[in-house]
């Protein structure tokens, strides 16, 4: 259980450092993640529409 806490806090610290050190890159990463999510949802909607 201790390892899980260390990894969680380490991950949070890494994200915080990344946001502070490279905010433009962090924004691009978030934008890319949202674009991927919206593209996947659109593809799923097209699939469902083509079923009928």
PDB file of N, CA and C in Angstrom:
ATOM      1  N   UNK A   1       0.826  -1.183   0.000  1.00  0.00           N
ATOM      2  CA  UNK A   1       0.000   0.000   0.000  1.00  0.00           C
ATOM      3  C   UNK A   1       0.874   1.253   0.000  1.00  0.00           C
ATOM      4  N   UNK A   2       2.012   1.194   0.605  1.00  0.00           N
ATOM      5  CA  UNK A   2       2.920   2.330   0.683  1.00  0.00           C
ATOM      6  C   UNK A   2       3.453   2.698  -0.704  1.00  0.00           C
ATOM      7  N   UNK A   3       3.705   1.711  -1.540  1.00  0.00           N
ATOM      8  CA  UNK A   3       4.224   1.962  -2.881  1.00  0.00           C
ATOM      9  C   UNK A   3       3.184   2.712  -3.702  1.00  0.00           C
ATOM     10  N   UNK A   4       1.925   2.361  -3.534  1.00  0.00           N
ATOM     11  CA  UNK A   4       0.850   3.021  -4.266  1.00  0.00           C
ATOM     12  C   UNK A   4       0.797   4.509  -3.901  1.00  0.00           C
ATOM     13  N   UNK A   5       0.953   4.833  -2.623  1.00  0.00           N
ATOM     14  CA  UNK A   5       0.946   6.232  -2.191  1.00  0.00           C
ATOM     15  C   UNK A   5       2.129   6.986  -2.780  1.00  0.00           C
ATOM     16  N   UNK A   6       3.290   6.384  -2.756  1.00  0.00           N
ATOM     17  CA  UNK A   6       4.487   7.031  -3.288  1.00  0.00           C
ATOM     18  C   UNK A   6       4.336   7.298  -4.781  1.00  0.00           C
ATOM     19  N   UNK A   7       3.826   6.309  -5.518  1.00  0.00           N
ATOM     20  CA  UNK A   7       3.625   6.490  -6.953  1.00  0.00           C
ATOM     21  C   UNK A   7       2.565   7.539  -7.247  1.00  0.00           C
ATOM     22  N   UNK A   8       1.511   7.570  -6.449  1.00  0.00           N
ATOM     23  CA  UNK A   8       0.460   8.573  -6.638  1.00  0.00           C
ATOM     24  C   UNK A   8       1.004   9.974  -6.405  1.00  0.00           C
ATOM     25  N   UNK A   9       1.690  10.169  -5.288  1.00  0.00           N
ATOM     26  CA  UNK A   9       2.254  11.491  -4.998  1.00  0.00           C
ATOM     27  C   UNK A   9       3.342  11.868  -6.000  1.00  0.00           C
ATOM     28  N   UNK A  10       4.107  10.903  -6.444  1.00  0.00           N
ATOM     29  CA  UNK A  10       5.115  11.167  -7.469  1.00  0.00           C
ATOM     30  C   UNK A  10       4.480  11.596  -8.779  1.00  0.00           C
ATOM     31  N   UNK A  11       3.384  10.931  -9.155  1.00  0.00           N
ATOM     32  CA  UNK A  11       2.672  11.305 -10.376  1.00  0.00           C
ATOM     33  C   UNK A  11       2.086  12.704 -10.280  1.00  0.00           C
ATOM     34  N   UNK A  12       1.505  13.024  -9.128  1.00  0.00           N
ATOM     35  CA  UNK A  12       0.952  14.361  -8.921  1.00  0.00           C
ATOM     36  C   UNK A  12       2.057  15.412  -8.969  1.00  0.00           C
ATOM     37  N   UNK A  13       3.183  15.117  -8.359  1.00  0.00           N
ATOM     38  CA  UNK A  13       4.308  16.054  -8.382  1.00  0.00           C
ATOM     39  C   UNK A  13       4.826  16.243  -9.801  1.00  0.00           C
ATOM     40  N   UNK A  14       4.883  15.169 -10.585  1.00  0.00           N
ATOM     41  CA  UNK A  14       5.347  15.279 -11.963  1.00  0.00           C
ATOM     42  C   UNK A  14       4.402  16.148 -12.782  1.00  0.00           C
ATOM     43  N   UNK A  15       3.095  15.931 -12.634  1.00  0.00           N
ATOM     44  CA  UNK A  15       2.115  16.729 -13.384  1.00  0.00           C
ATOM     45  C   UNK A  15       2.214  18.196 -12.980  1.00  0.00           C
ATOM     46  N   UNK A  16       2.330  18.466 -11.692  1.00  0.00           N
ATOM     47  CA  UNK A  16       2.451  19.852 -11.230  1.00  0.00           C
ATOM     48  C   UNK A  16       3.718  20.497 -11.784  1.00  0.00           C
ATOM     49  N   UNK A  17       4.827  19.790 -11.755  1.00  0.00           N
ATOM     50  CA  UNK A  17       6.079  20.327 -12.303  1.00  0.00           C
ATOM     51  C   UNK A  17       5.957  20.583 -13.809  1.00  0.00           C
ATOM     52  N   UNK A  18       5.338  19.636 -14.522  1.00  0.00           N
ATOM     53  CA  UNK A  18       5.166  19.773 -15.970  1.00  0.00           C
ATOM     54  C   UNK A  18       4.304  20.988 -16.288  1.00  0.00           C
ATOM     55  N   UNK A  19       3.230  21.189 -15.513  1.00  0.00           N
ATOM     56  CA  UNK A  19       2.362  22.348 -15.732  1.00  0.00           C
ATOM     57  C   UNK A  19       3.101  23.662 -15.495  1.00  0.00           C
ATOM     58  N   UNK A  20       3.944  23.692 -14.487  1.00  0.00           N
ATOM     59  CA  UNK A  20       4.658  24.924 -14.162  1.00  0.00           C
ATOM     60  C   UNK A  20       5.861  25.161 -15.084  1.00  0.00           C
ATOM     61  N   UNK A  21       6.545  24.110 -15.475  1.00  0.00           N
ATOM     62  CA  UNK A  21       7.758  24.253 -16.271  1.00  0.00           C
ATOM     63  C   UNK A  21       7.455  24.438 -17.756  1.00  0.00           C
ATOM     64  N   UNK A  22       6.422  23.779 -18.261  1.00  0.00           N
ATOM     65  CA  UNK A  22       6.094  23.828 -19.689  1.00  0.00           C
ATOM     66  C   UNK A  22       4.586  23.946 -19.887  1.00  0.00           C
ATOM     67  N   UNK A  23       4.016  25.092 -19.558  1.00  0.00           N
ATOM     68  CA  UNK A  23       2.562  25.217 -19.633  1.00  0.00           C
ATOM     69  C   UNK A  23       2.009  25.081 -21.059  1.00  0.00           C
ATOM     70  N   UNK A  24       2.730  25.548 -22.047  1.00  0.00           N
ATOM     71  CA  UNK A  24       2.246  25.432 -23.432  1.00  0.00           C
ATOM     72  C   UNK A  24       2.199  23.972 -23.860  1.00  0.00           C
ATOM     73  N   UNK A  25       3.222  23.214 -23.511  1.00  0.00           N
ATOM     74  CA  UNK A  25       3.237  21.784 -23.845  1.00  0.00           C
ATOM     75  C   UNK A  25       2.145  21.027 -23.091  1.00  0.00           C
ATOM     76  N   UNK A  26       1.920  21.410 -21.840  1.00  0.00           N
ATOM     77  CA  UNK A  26       0.869  20.762 -21.058  1.00  0.00           C
ATOM     78  C   UNK A  26      -0.503  21.060 -21.670  1.00  0.00           C
ATOM     79  N   UNK A  27      -0.707  22.290 -22.116  1.00  0.00           N
ATOM     80  CA  UNK A  27      -1.977  22.642 -22.757  1.00  0.00           C
ATOM     81  C   UNK A  27      -2.163  21.860 -24.051  1.00  0.00           C
ATOM     82  N   UNK A  28      -1.092  21.701 -24.817  1.00  0.00           N
ATOM     83  CA  UNK A  28      -1.172  20.913 -26.055  1.00  0.00           C
ATOM     84  C   UNK A  28      -1.511  19.454 -25.756  1.00  0.00           C
ATOM     85  N   UNK A  29      -0.955  18.913 -24.687  1.00  0.00           N
ATOM     86  CA  UNK A  29      -1.232  17.527 -24.313  1.00  0.00           C
ATOM     87  C   UNK A  29      -2.698  17.352 -23.926  1.00  0.00           C
ATOM     88  N   UNK A  30      -3.235  18.296 -23.161  1.00  0.00           N
ATOM     89  CA  UNK A  30      -4.638  18.226 -22.762  1.00  0.00           C
ATOM     90  C   UNK A  30      -5.536  18.381 -23.983  1.00  0.00           C
ATOM     91  N   UNK A  31      -5.195  19.326 -24.857  1.00  0.00           N
ATOM     92  CA  UNK A  31      -5.980  19.536 -26.080  1.00  0.00           C
ATOM     93  C   UNK A  31      -5.966  18.273 -26.936  1.00  0.00           C
ATOM     94  N   UNK A  32      -4.815  17.644 -27.058  1.00  0.00           N
ATOM     95  CA  UNK A  32      -4.720  16.406 -27.822  1.00  0.00           C
ATOM     96  C   UNK A  32      -5.551  15.290 -27.220  1.00  0.00           C
ATOM     97  N   UNK A  33      -5.564  15.199 -25.899  1.00  0.00           N
ATOM     98  CA  UNK A  33      -6.362  14.170 -25.231  1.00  0.00           C
ATOM     99  C   UNK A  33      -7.845  14.395 -25.479  1.00  0.00           C
ATOM    100  N   UNK A  34      -8.294  15.654 -25.392  1.00  0.00           N
ATOM    101  CA  UNK A  34      -9.706  15.949 -25.650  1.00  0.00           C
ATOM    102  C   UNK A  34     -10.063  15.713 -27.107  1.00  0.00           C
ATOM    103  N   UNK A  35      -9.171  16.082 -28.024  1.00  0.00           N
ATOM    104  CA  UNK A  35      -9.424  15.830 -29.447  1.00  0.00           C
ATOM    105  C   UNK A  35      -9.581  14.339 -29.713  1.00  0.00           C
ATOM    106  N   UNK A  36      -8.731  13.537 -29.104  1.00  0.00           N
ATOM    107  CA  UNK A  36      -8.810  12.089 -29.264  1.00  0.00           C
ATOM    108  C   UNK A  36     -10.127  11.550 -28.717  1.00  0.00           C
ATOM    109  N   UNK A  37     -10.531  12.045 -27.564  1.00  0.00           N
ATOM    110  CA  UNK A  37     -11.780  11.600 -26.948  1.00  0.00           C
ATOM    111  C   UNK A  37     -12.981  11.985 -27.835  1.00  0.00           C
ATOM    112  N   UNK A  38     -12.990  13.202 -28.362  1.00  0.00           N
ATOM    113  CA  UNK A  38     -14.100  13.625 -29.214  1.00  0.00           C
ATOM    114  C   UNK A  38     -14.110  12.858 -30.534  1.00  0.00           C
ATOM    115  N   UNK A  39     -12.946  12.566 -31.083  1.00  0.00           N
ATOM    116  CA  UNK A  39     -12.886  11.778 -32.313  1.00  0.00           C
ATOM    117  C   UNK A  39     -13.411  10.359 -32.082  1.00  0.00           C
ATOM    118  N   UNK A  40     -13.073   9.786 -30.937  1.00  0.00           N
ATOM    119  CA  UNK A  40     -13.567   8.443 -30.615  1.00  0.00           C
ATOM    120  C   UNK A  40     -15.086   8.454 -30.453  1.00  0.00           C
ATOM    121  N   UNK A  41     -15.620   9.470 -29.790  1.00  0.00           N
ATOM    122  CA  UNK A  41     -17.071   9.563 -29.614  1.00  0.00           C
ATOM    123  C   UNK A  41     -17.757   9.746 -30.968  1.00  0.00           C
ATOM    124  N   UNK A  42     -17.176  10.545 -31.841  1.00  0.00           N
ATOM    125  CA  UNK A  42     -17.744  10.746 -33.171  1.00  0.00           C
ATOM    126  C   UNK A  42     -17.728   9.446 -33.974  1.00  0.00           C
ATOM    127  N   UNK A  43     -16.643   8.720 -33.885  1.00  0.00           N
ATOM    128  CA  UNK A  43     -16.553   7.441 -34.595  1.00  0.00           C
ATOM    129  C   UNK A  43     -17.593   6.456 -34.071  1.00  0.00           C
ATOM    130  N   UNK A  44     -17.784   6.426 -32.764  1.00  0.00           N
ATOM    131  CA  UNK A  44     -18.788   5.545 -32.180  1.00  0.00           C
ATOM    132  C   UNK A  44     -20.188   5.948 -32.638  1.00  0.00           C
ATOM    133  N   UNK A  45     -20.463   7.243 -32.692  1.00  0.00           N
ATOM    134  CA  UNK A  45     -21.773   7.714 -33.160  1.00  0.00           C
ATOM    135  C   UNK A  45     -22.003   7.335 -34.617  1.00  0.00           C
ATOM    136  N   UNK A  46     -20.993   7.461 -35.437  1.00  0.00           N
ATOM    137  CA  UNK A  46     -21.116   7.073 -36.844  1.00  0.00           C
ATOM    138  C   UNK A  46     -21.377   5.570 -36.967  1.00  0.00           C
ATOM    139  N   UNK A  47     -20.711   4.785 -36.169  1.00  0.00           N
ATOM    140  CA  UNK A  47     -20.913   3.330 -36.175  1.00  0.00           C
ATOM    141  C   UNK A  47     -22.362   2.990 -35.817  1.00  0.00           C
ATOM    142  N   UNK A  48     -22.864   3.598 -34.759  1.00  0.00           N
ATOM    143  CA  UNK A  48     -24.230   3.316 -34.321  1.00  0.00           C
ATOM    144  C   UNK A  48     -25.217   3.763 -35.390  1.00  0.00           C
ATOM    145  N   UNK A  49     -24.987   4.916 -36.012  1.00  0.00           N
ATOM    146  CA  UNK A  49     -25.884   5.389 -37.075  1.00  0.00           C
ATOM    147  C   UNK A  49     -25.873   4.464 -38.281  1.00  0.00           C
ATOM    148  N   UNK A  50     -24.746   3.870 -38.578  1.00  0.00           N
ATOM    149  CA  UNK A  50     -24.655   2.981 -39.728  1.00  0.00           C
ATOM    150  C   UNK A  50     -25.273   1.605 -39.470  1.00  0.00           C
ATOM    151  N   UNK A  51     -25.567   1.292 -38.214  1.00  0.00           N
ATOM    152  CA  UNK A  51     -26.193   0.015 -37.900  1.00  0.00           C
ATOM    153  C   UNK A  51     -27.641  -0.050 -38.388  1.00  0.00           C
ATOM    154  N   UNK A  52     -28.290   1.099 -38.436  1.00  0.00           N
ATOM    155  CA  UNK A  52     -29.709   1.093 -38.827  1.00  0.00           C
ATOM    156  C   UNK A  52     -29.912   1.252 -40.311  1.00  0.00           C
TER     157      UNK A  52
END
